[in-house]
Amino acid sequence: MSPGGPIAIVNNLGDDEFCSLAPRNMSESIQSFDRLDFNVEVVETHFEFETLEEAQALLGFYFGDAGRAGAKLPVGYRVGVFHKGTNAG
């Protein structure tokens, strides 16, 4: 990476099915990056599991009982791509 070169950071934005399984807030504030003059692209996506058992195993590993109980095949996920010094956006 060159000093003054482009930078991009991808982080959770919250207010989605995935982050709602966490016992504490695990999302990033758009305002904190806005103050640093980053641009943001919001991406609405999801995790896609092949079986409910697979979803329960992975989400249970990260979120315990709440993850197992909230497991389903697609789990909505909202991320922000924060960028600065790039041609994107």
PDB file of N, CA and C in Angstrom:
ATOM      1  N   MET A   1       0.844  -1.180   0.000  1.00  0.00           N
ATOM      2  CA  MET A   1       0.000   0.000   0.000  1.00  0.00           C
ATOM      3  C   MET A   1       0.882   1.233   0.000  1.00  0.00           C
ATOM      4  N   SER A   2       0.566   2.189  -0.832  1.00  0.00           N
ATOM      5  CA  SER A   2       1.316   3.432  -0.931  1.00  0.00           C
ATOM      6  C   SER A   2       0.742   4.477   0.005  1.00  0.00           C
ATOM      7  N   PRO A   3       1.597   5.279   0.632  1.00  0.00           N
ATOM      8  CA  PRO A   3       1.066   6.377   1.452  1.00  0.00           C
ATOM      9  C   PRO A   3       0.168   7.272   0.600  1.00  0.00           C
ATOM     10  N   GLY A   4      -1.003   7.578   1.130  1.00  0.00           N
ATOM     11  CA  GLY A   4      -1.954   8.407   0.393  1.00  0.00           C
ATOM     12  C   GLY A   4      -2.728   7.663  -0.672  1.00  0.00           C
ATOM     13  N   GLY A   5      -2.492   6.347  -0.795  1.00  0.00           N
ATOM     14  CA  GLY A   5      -3.197   5.550  -1.788  1.00  0.00           C
ATOM     15  C   GLY A   5      -4.611   5.221  -1.354  1.00  0.00           C
ATOM     16  N   PRO A   6      -5.357   4.519  -2.200  1.00  0.00           N
ATOM     17  CA  PRO A   6      -6.748   4.185  -1.880  1.00  0.00           C
ATOM     18  C   PRO A   6      -6.836   3.184  -0.728  1.00  0.00           C
ATOM     19  N   ILE A   7      -7.965   3.251  -0.031  1.00  0.00           N
ATOM     20  CA  ILE A   7      -8.232   2.320   1.055  1.00  0.00           C
ATOM     21  C   ILE A   7      -9.714   1.959   1.018  1.00  0.00           C
ATOM     22  N   ALA A   8     -10.008   0.706   1.307  1.00  0.00           N
ATOM     23  CA  ALA A   8     -11.400   0.250   1.407  1.00  0.00           C
ATOM     24  C   ALA A   8     -11.520  -0.654   2.621  1.00  0.00           C
ATOM     25  N   ILE A   9     -12.595  -0.468   3.391  1.00  0.00           N
ATOM     26  CA  ILE A   9     -12.861  -1.253   4.586  1.00  0.00           C
ATOM     27  C   ILE A   9     -14.292  -1.767   4.477  1.00  0.00           C
ATOM     28  N   VAL A  10     -14.491  -3.044   4.735  1.00  0.00           N
ATOM     29  CA  VAL A  10     -15.819  -3.638   4.720  1.00  0.00           C
ATOM     30  C   VAL A  10     -16.168  -4.023   6.153  1.00  0.00           C
ATOM     31  N   ASN A  11     -17.355  -3.590   6.607  1.00  0.00           N
ATOM     32  CA  ASN A  11     -17.749  -3.867   7.988  1.00  0.00           C
ATOM     33  C   ASN A  11     -19.262  -4.011   8.100  1.00  0.00           C
ATOM     34  N   ASN A  12     -19.703  -4.660   9.176  1.00  0.00           N
ATOM     35  CA  ASN A  12     -21.129  -4.828   9.456  1.00  0.00           C
ATOM     36  C   ASN A  12     -21.788  -3.473   9.654  1.00  0.00           C
ATOM     37  N   LEU A  13     -23.001  -3.329   9.131  1.00  0.00           N
ATOM     38  CA  LEU A  13     -23.784  -2.117   9.390  1.00  0.00           C
ATOM     39  C   LEU A  13     -24.911  -2.371  10.378  1.00  0.00           C
ATOM     40  N   GLY A  14     -25.211  -3.630  10.633  1.00  0.00           N
ATOM     41  CA  GLY A  14     -26.270  -3.950  11.584  1.00  0.00           C
ATOM     42  C   GLY A  14     -27.643  -3.770  10.987  1.00  0.00           C
ATOM     43  N   ASP A  15     -28.642  -3.781  11.862  1.00  0.00           N
ATOM     44  CA  ASP A  15     -30.043  -3.678  11.454  1.00  0.00           C
ATOM     45  C   ASP A  15     -30.381  -4.746  10.422  1.00  0.00           C
ATOM     46  N   ASP A  16     -29.909  -5.990  10.708  1.00  0.00           N
ATOM     47  CA  ASP A  16     -30.171  -7.112   9.820  1.00  0.00           C
ATOM     48  C   ASP A  16     -30.350  -8.388  10.644  1.00  0.00           C
ATOM     49  N   GLU A  17     -30.715  -9.474   9.965  1.00  0.00           N
ATOM     50  CA  GLU A  17     -30.961 -10.745  10.653  1.00  0.00           C
ATOM     51  C   GLU A  17     -29.696 -11.289  11.313  1.00  0.00           C
ATOM     52  N   PHE A  18     -28.567 -11.198  10.631  1.00  0.00           N
ATOM     53  CA  PHE A  18     -27.317 -11.735  11.146  1.00  0.00           C
ATOM     54  C   PHE A  18     -26.902 -11.038  12.441  1.00  0.00           C
ATOM     55  N   CYS A  19     -26.838  -9.721  12.432  1.00  0.00           N
ATOM     56  CA  CYS A  19     -26.393  -8.970  13.614  1.00  0.00           C
ATOM     57  C   CYS A  19     -27.391  -9.069  14.761  1.00  0.00           C
ATOM     58  N   SER A  20     -28.660  -9.318  14.448  1.00  0.00           N
ATOM     59  CA  SER A  20     -29.651  -9.427  15.525  1.00  0.00           C
ATOM     60  C   SER A  20     -29.432 -10.669  16.381  1.00  0.00           C
ATOM     61  N   LEU A  21     -28.641 -11.627  15.913  1.00  0.00           N
ATOM     62  CA  LEU A  21     -28.349 -12.834  16.672  1.00  0.00           C
ATOM     63  C   LEU A  21     -27.278 -12.601  17.742  1.00  0.00           C
ATOM     64  N   ALA A  22     -26.514 -11.533  17.608  1.00  0.00           N
ATOM     65  CA  ALA A  22     -25.412 -11.246  18.534  1.00  0.00           C
ATOM     66  C   ALA A  22     -25.930 -10.699  19.857  1.00  0.00           C
ATOM     67  N   PRO A  23     -25.287 -11.063  20.958  1.00  0.00           N
ATOM     68  CA  PRO A  23     -25.716 -10.559  22.265  1.00  0.00           C
ATOM     69  C   PRO A  23     -25.378  -9.091  22.492  1.00  0.00           C
ATOM     70  N   ARG A  24     -24.482  -8.551  21.675  1.00  0.00           N
ATOM     71  CA  ARG A  24     -24.122  -7.131  21.797  1.00  0.00           C
ATOM     72  C   ARG A  24     -24.000  -6.533  20.392  1.00  0.00           C
ATOM     73  N   ASN A  25     -23.993  -5.230  20.325  1.00  0.00           N
ATOM     74  CA  ASN A  25     -23.894  -4.539  19.046  1.00  0.00           C
ATOM     75  C   ASN A  25     -22.551  -4.858  18.380  1.00  0.00           C
ATOM     76  N   MET A  26     -22.610  -5.355  17.163  1.00  0.00           N
ATOM     77  CA  MET A  26     -21.383  -5.673  16.429  1.00  0.00           C
ATOM     78  C   MET A  26     -21.318  -4.910  15.111  1.00  0.00           C
ATOM     79  N   SER A  27     -22.068  -3.811  15.031  1.00  0.00           N
ATOM     80  CA  SER A  27     -22.126  -3.051  13.791  1.00  0.00           C
ATOM     81  C   SER A  27     -21.264  -1.801  13.872  1.00  0.00           C
ATOM     82  N   GLU A  28     -20.994  -1.256  12.713  1.00  0.00           N
ATOM     83  CA  GLU A  28     -20.185  -0.049  12.584  1.00  0.00           C
ATOM     84  C   GLU A  28     -21.078   1.133  12.273  1.00  0.00           C
ATOM     85  N   SER A  29     -20.753   2.268  12.822  1.00  0.00           N
ATOM     86  CA  SER A  29     -21.502   3.489  12.563  1.00  0.00           C
ATOM     87  C   SER A  29     -21.008   4.145  11.274  1.00  0.00           C
ATOM     88  N   ILE A  30     -21.926   4.413  10.364  1.00  0.00           N
ATOM     89  CA  ILE A  30     -21.561   5.127   9.132  1.00  0.00           C
ATOM     90  C   ILE A  30     -21.003   6.502   9.481  1.00  0.00           C
ATOM     91  N   GLN A  31     -21.540   7.126  10.519  1.00  0.00           N
ATOM     92  CA  GLN A  31     -21.118   8.475  10.892  1.00  0.00           C
ATOM     93  C   GLN A  31     -19.641   8.538  11.278  1.00  0.00           C
ATOM     94  N   SER A  32     -19.109   7.490  11.897  1.00  0.00           N
ATOM     95  CA  SER A  32     -17.700   7.527  12.287  1.00  0.00           C
ATOM     96  C   SER A  32     -16.790   7.583  11.057  1.00  0.00           C
ATOM     97  N   PHE A  33     -17.166   6.910   9.980  1.00  0.00           N
ATOM     98  CA  PHE A  33     -16.377   6.972   8.752  1.00  0.00           C
ATOM     99  C   PHE A  33     -16.668   8.254   7.970  1.00  0.00           C
ATOM    100  N   ASP A  34     -17.890   8.739   8.080  1.00  0.00           N
ATOM    101  CA  ASP A  34     -18.262   9.982   7.403  1.00  0.00           C
ATOM    102  C   ASP A  34     -17.407  11.140   7.913  1.00  0.00           C
ATOM    103  N   ARG A  35     -17.168  11.169   9.216  1.00  0.00           N
ATOM    104  CA  ARG A  35     -16.328  12.235   9.801  1.00  0.00           C
ATOM    105  C   ARG A  35     -14.907  12.198   9.262  1.00  0.00           C
ATOM    106  N   LEU A  36     -14.473  11.030   8.778  1.00  0.00           N
ATOM    107  CA  LEU A  36     -13.125  10.879   8.222  1.00  0.00           C
ATOM    108  C   LEU A  36     -13.123  10.994   6.698  1.00  0.00           C
ATOM    109  N   ASP A  37     -14.224  11.489   6.142  1.00  0.00           N
ATOM    110  CA  ASP A  37     -14.377  11.716   4.692  1.00  0.00           C
ATOM    111  C   ASP A  37     -14.319  10.449   3.845  1.00  0.00           C
ATOM    112  N   PHE A  38     -14.779   9.325   4.416  1.00  0.00           N
ATOM    113  CA  PHE A  38     -14.921   8.108   3.623  1.00  0.00           C
ATOM    114  C   PHE A  38     -16.255   8.151   2.904  1.00  0.00           C
ATOM    115  N   ASN A  39     -16.301   7.574   1.720  1.00  0.00           N
ATOM    116  CA  ASN A  39     -17.559   7.323   1.028  1.00  0.00           C
ATOM    117  C   ASN A  39     -18.041   5.948   1.474  1.00  0.00           C
ATOM    118  N   VAL A  40     -19.341   5.709   1.378  1.00  0.00           N
ATOM    119  CA  VAL A  40     -19.860   4.393   1.774  1.00  0.00           C
ATOM    120  C   VAL A  40     -20.825   3.870   0.718  1.00  0.00           C
ATOM    121  N   GLU A  41     -20.693   2.600   0.441  1.00  0.00           N
ATOM    122  CA  GLU A  41     -21.638   1.879  -0.402  1.00  0.00           C
ATOM    123  C   GLU A  41     -22.286   0.833   0.502  1.00  0.00           C
ATOM    124  N   VAL A  42     -23.602   0.828   0.594  1.00  0.00           N
ATOM    125  CA  VAL A  42     -24.321  -0.143   1.408  1.00  0.00           C
ATOM    126  C   VAL A  42     -24.646  -1.354   0.537  1.00  0.00           C
ATOM    127  N   VAL A  43     -24.325  -2.534   1.049  1.00  0.00           N
ATOM    128  CA  VAL A  43     -24.563  -3.778   0.318  1.00  0.00           C
ATOM    129  C   VAL A  43     -25.512  -4.645   1.160  1.00  0.00           C
ATOM    130  N   GLU A  44     -26.671  -4.929   0.611  1.00  0.00           N
ATOM    131  CA  GLU A  44     -27.638  -5.845   1.232  1.00  0.00           C
ATOM    132  C   GLU A  44     -27.358  -7.225   0.650  1.00  0.00           C
ATOM    133  N   THR A  45     -26.940  -8.149   1.499  1.00  0.00           N
ATOM    134  CA  THR A  45     -26.594  -9.480   1.030  1.00  0.00           C
ATOM    135  C   THR A  45     -27.116 -10.513   2.028  1.00  0.00           C
ATOM    136  N   HIS A  46     -26.660 -11.727   1.958  1.00  0.00           N
ATOM    137  CA  HIS A  46     -27.087 -12.759   2.900  1.00  0.00           C
ATOM    138  C   HIS A  46     -26.088 -13.908   2.907  1.00  0.00           C
ATOM    139  N   PHE A  47     -26.114 -14.653   4.000  1.00  0.00           N
ATOM    140  CA  PHE A  47     -25.397 -15.920   4.071  1.00  0.00           C
ATOM    141  C   PHE A  47     -26.374 -16.985   3.603  1.00  0.00           C
ATOM    142  N   GLU A  48     -25.920 -17.872   2.744  1.00  0.00           N
ATOM    143  CA  GLU A  48     -26.776 -18.927   2.205  1.00  0.00           C
ATOM    144  C   GLU A  48     -26.243 -20.276   2.684  1.00  0.00           C
ATOM    145  N   PHE A  49     -27.070 -21.013   3.400  1.00  0.00           N
ATOM    146  CA  PHE A  49     -26.689 -22.332   3.909  1.00  0.00           C
ATOM    147  C   PHE A  49     -27.404 -23.405   3.108  1.00  0.00           C
ATOM    148  N   GLU A  50     -26.768 -24.564   2.973  1.00  0.00           N
ATOM    149  CA  GLU A  50     -27.382 -25.671   2.228  1.00  0.00           C
ATOM    150  C   GLU A  50     -28.429 -26.402   3.046  1.00  0.00           C
ATOM    151  N   THR A  51     -28.202 -26.511   4.362  1.00  0.00           N
ATOM    152  CA  THR A  51     -29.153 -27.208   5.224  1.00  0.00           C
ATOM    153  C   THR A  51     -29.359 -26.399   6.502  1.00  0.00           C
ATOM    154  N   LEU A  52     -30.470 -26.626   7.152  1.00  0.00           N
ATOM    155  CA  LEU A  52     -30.737 -25.965   8.427  1.00  0.00           C
ATOM    156  C   LEU A  52     -29.711 -26.400   9.472  1.00  0.00           C
ATOM    157  N   GLU A  53     -29.287 -27.647   9.423  1.00  0.00           N
ATOM    158  CA  GLU A  53     -28.291 -28.142  10.369  1.00  0.00           C
ATOM    159  C   GLU A  53     -26.975 -27.387  10.206  1.00  0.00           C
ATOM    160  N   GLU A  54     -26.589 -27.110   8.963  1.00  0.00           N
ATOM    161  CA  GLU A  54     -25.376 -26.338   8.705  1.00  0.00           C
ATOM    162  C   GLU A  54     -25.507 -24.927   9.286  1.00  0.00           C
ATOM    163  N   ALA A  55     -26.656 -24.308   9.079  1.00  0.00           N
ATOM    164  CA  ALA A  55     -26.897 -22.961   9.620  1.00  0.00           C
ATOM    165  C   ALA A  55     -26.851 -22.979  11.145  1.00  0.00           C
ATOM    166  N   GLN A  56     -27.476 -23.972  11.745  1.00  0.00           N
ATOM    167  CA  GLN A  56     -27.493 -24.060  13.209  1.00  0.00           C
ATOM    168  C   GLN A  56     -26.091 -24.282  13.766  1.00  0.00           C
ATOM    169  N   ALA A  57     -25.296 -25.094  13.093  1.00  0.00           N
ATOM    170  CA  ALA A  57     -23.933 -25.368  13.569  1.00  0.00           C
ATOM    171  C   ALA A  57     -23.070 -24.111  13.522  1.00  0.00           C
ATOM    172  N   LEU A  58     -23.077 -23.422  12.402  1.00  0.00           N
ATOM    173  CA  LEU A  58     -22.214 -22.240  12.273  1.00  0.00           C
ATOM    174  C   LEU A  58     -22.717 -21.078  13.123  1.00  0.00           C
ATOM    175  N   LEU A  59     -24.006 -20.777  13.034  1.00  0.00           N
ATOM    176  CA  LEU A  59     -24.544 -19.658  13.805  1.00  0.00           C
ATOM    177  C   LEU A  59     -24.522 -19.962  15.299  1.00  0.00           C
ATOM    178  N   GLY A  60     -24.700 -21.231  15.653  1.00  0.00           N
ATOM    179  CA  GLY A  60     -24.590 -21.626  17.051  1.00  0.00           C
ATOM    180  C   GLY A  60     -23.170 -21.474  17.579  1.00  0.00           C
ATOM    181  N   PHE A  61     -22.191 -21.767  16.737  1.00  0.00           N
ATOM    182  CA  PHE A  61     -20.790 -21.610  17.126  1.00  0.00           C
ATOM    183  C   PHE A  61     -20.501 -20.148  17.486  1.00  0.00           C
ATOM    184  N   TYR A  62     -20.983 -19.228  16.668  1.00  0.00           N
ATOM    185  CA  TYR A  62     -20.709 -17.800  16.897  1.00  0.00           C
ATOM    186  C   TYR A  62     -21.637 -17.154  17.921  1.00  0.00           C
ATOM    187  N   PHE A  63     -22.911 -17.541  17.927  1.00  0.00           N
ATOM    188  CA  PHE A  63     -23.900 -16.825  18.734  1.00  0.00           C
ATOM    189  C   PHE A  63     -24.586 -17.685  19.789  1.00  0.00           C
ATOM    190  N   GLY A  64     -24.172 -18.933  19.961  1.00  0.00           N
ATOM    191  CA  GLY A  64     -24.757 -19.799  20.983  1.00  0.00           C
ATOM    192  C   GLY A  64     -26.209 -20.146  20.685  1.00  0.00           C
ATOM    193  N   ASP A  65     -27.004 -20.230  21.743  1.00  0.00           N
ATOM    194  CA  ASP A  65     -28.407 -20.626  21.605  1.00  0.00           C
ATOM    195  C   ASP A  65     -29.190 -19.689  20.692  1.00  0.00           C
ATOM    196  N   ALA A  66     -28.901 -18.391  20.758  1.00  0.00           N
ATOM    197  CA  ALA A  66     -29.613 -17.432  19.892  1.00  0.00           C
ATOM    198  C   ALA A  66     -29.335 -17.723  18.422  1.00  0.00           C
ATOM    199  N   GLY A  67     -28.115 -18.118  18.094  1.00  0.00           N
ATOM    200  CA  GLY A  67     -27.767 -18.460  16.719  1.00  0.00           C
ATOM    201  C   GLY A  67     -28.459 -19.717  16.244  1.00  0.00           C
ATOM    202  N   ARG A  68     -28.498 -20.725  17.107  1.00  0.00           N
ATOM    203  CA  ARG A  68     -29.192 -21.969  16.735  1.00  0.00           C
ATOM    204  C   ARG A  68     -30.683 -21.722  16.561  1.00  0.00           C
ATOM    205  N   ALA A  69     -31.275 -20.943  17.455  1.00  0.00           N
ATOM    206  CA  ALA A  69     -32.721 -20.677  17.385  1.00  0.00           C
ATOM    207  C   ALA A  69     -33.078 -19.796  16.190  1.00  0.00           C
ATOM    208  N   GLY A  70     -32.200 -18.890  15.806  1.00  0.00           N
ATOM    209  CA  GLY A  70     -32.487 -17.970  14.700  1.00  0.00           C
ATOM    210  C   GLY A  70     -32.020 -18.466  13.352  1.00  0.00           C
ATOM    211  N   ALA A  71     -31.506 -19.689  13.309  1.00  0.00           N
ATOM    212  CA  ALA A  71     -30.945 -20.224  12.070  1.00  0.00           C
ATOM    213  C   ALA A  71     -32.029 -20.441  11.016  1.00  0.00           C
ATOM    214  N   LYS A  72     -31.694 -20.104   9.796  1.00  0.00           N
ATOM    215  CA  LYS A  72     -32.512 -20.411   8.625  1.00  0.00           C
ATOM    216  C   LYS A  72     -31.591 -20.439   7.425  1.00  0.00           C
ATOM    217  N   LEU A  73     -32.072 -20.862   6.270  1.00  0.00           N
ATOM    218  CA  LEU A  73     -31.184 -21.071   5.130  1.00  0.00           C
ATOM    219  C   LEU A  73     -30.586 -19.775   4.582  1.00  0.00           C
ATOM    220  N   PRO A  74     -31.371 -18.755   4.274  1.00  0.00           N
ATOM    221  CA  PRO A  74     -30.723 -17.472   3.997  1.00  0.00           C
ATOM    222  C   PRO A  74     -30.839 -16.596   5.253  1.00  0.00           C
ATOM    223  N   VAL A  75     -29.734 -15.984   5.651  1.00  0.00           N
ATOM    224  CA  VAL A  75     -29.730 -15.071   6.791  1.00  0.00           C
ATOM    225  C   VAL A  75     -29.250 -13.714   6.270  1.00  0.00           C
ATOM    226  N   GLY A  76     -30.138 -12.716   6.311  1.00  0.00           N
ATOM    227  CA  GLY A  76     -29.824 -11.394   5.785  1.00  0.00           C
ATOM    228  C   GLY A  76     -28.650 -10.740   6.498  1.00  0.00           C
ATOM    229  N   TYR A  77     -27.861 -10.030   5.725  1.00  0.00           N
ATOM    230  CA  TYR A  77     -26.629  -9.417   6.224  1.00  0.00           C
ATOM    231  C   TYR A  77     -26.435  -8.092   5.485  1.00  0.00           C
ATOM    232  N   ARG A  78     -26.143  -7.041   6.205  1.00  0.00           N
ATOM    233  CA  ARG A  78     -25.992  -5.697   5.634  1.00  0.00           C
ATOM    234  C   ARG A  78     -24.598  -5.184   5.950  1.00  0.00           C
ATOM    235  N   VAL A  79     -23.831  -4.875   4.920  1.00  0.00           N
ATOM    236  CA  VAL A  79     -22.468  -4.390   5.132  1.00  0.00           C
ATOM    237  C   VAL A  79     -22.272  -3.031   4.462  1.00  0.00           C
ATOM    238  N   GLY A  80     -21.258  -2.335   4.940  1.00  0.00           N
ATOM    239  CA  GLY A  80     -20.849  -1.085   4.323  1.00  0.00           C
ATOM    240  C   GLY A  80     -19.453  -1.259   3.765  1.00  0.00           C
ATOM    241  N   VAL A  81     -19.254  -0.773   2.552  1.00  0.00           N
ATOM    242  CA  VAL A  81     -17.926  -0.707   1.959  1.00  0.00           C
ATOM    243  C   VAL A  81     -17.514   0.760   2.060  1.00  0.00           C
ATOM    244  N   PHE A  82     -16.603   1.033   2.967  1.00  0.00           N
ATOM    245  CA  PHE A  82     -16.125   2.396   3.211  1.00  0.00           C
ATOM    246  C   PHE A  82     -14.876   2.587   2.380  1.00  0.00           C
ATOM    247  N   HIS A  83     -14.839   3.613   1.558  1.00  0.00           N
ATOM    248  CA  HIS A  83     -13.678   3.792   0.684  1.00  0.00           C
ATOM    249  C   HIS A  83     -13.275   5.255   0.602  1.00  0.00           C
ATOM    250  N   LYS A  84     -11.997   5.419   0.341  1.00  0.00           N
ATOM    251  CA  LYS A  84     -11.407   6.747   0.266  1.00  0.00           C
ATOM    252  C   LYS A  84     -10.253   6.677  -0.729  1.00  0.00           C
ATOM    253  N   GLY A  85     -10.197   7.651  -1.616  1.00  0.00           N
ATOM    254  CA  GLY A  85      -9.099   7.682  -2.580  1.00  0.00           C
ATOM    255  C   GLY A  85      -9.218   6.647  -3.665  1.00  0.00           C
ATOM    256  N   THR A  86     -10.448   6.150  -3.912  1.00  0.00           N
ATOM    257  CA  THR A  86     -10.670   5.167  -4.967  1.00  0.00           C
ATOM    258  C   THR A  86     -11.592   5.790  -6.014  1.00  0.00           C
ATOM    259  N   ASN A  87     -11.669   5.133  -7.147  1.00  0.00           N
ATOM    260  CA  ASN A  87     -12.557   5.602  -8.208  1.00  0.00           C
ATOM    261  C   ASN A  87     -13.986   5.141  -8.000  1.00  0.00           C
ATOM    262  N   ALA A  88     -14.221   4.239  -7.015  1.00  0.00           N
ATOM    263  CA  ALA A  88     -15.575   3.720  -6.778  1.00  0.00           C
ATOM    264  C   ALA A  88     -16.457   4.796  -6.191  1.00  0.00           C
ATOM    265  N   GLY A  89     -17.759   4.714  -6.510  1.00  0.00           N
ATOM    266  CA  GLY A  89     -18.767   5.588  -5.924  1.00  0.00           C
ATOM    267  C   GLY A  89     -18.605   6.984  -6.340  1.00  0.00           C
TER     268      GLY A  89
END
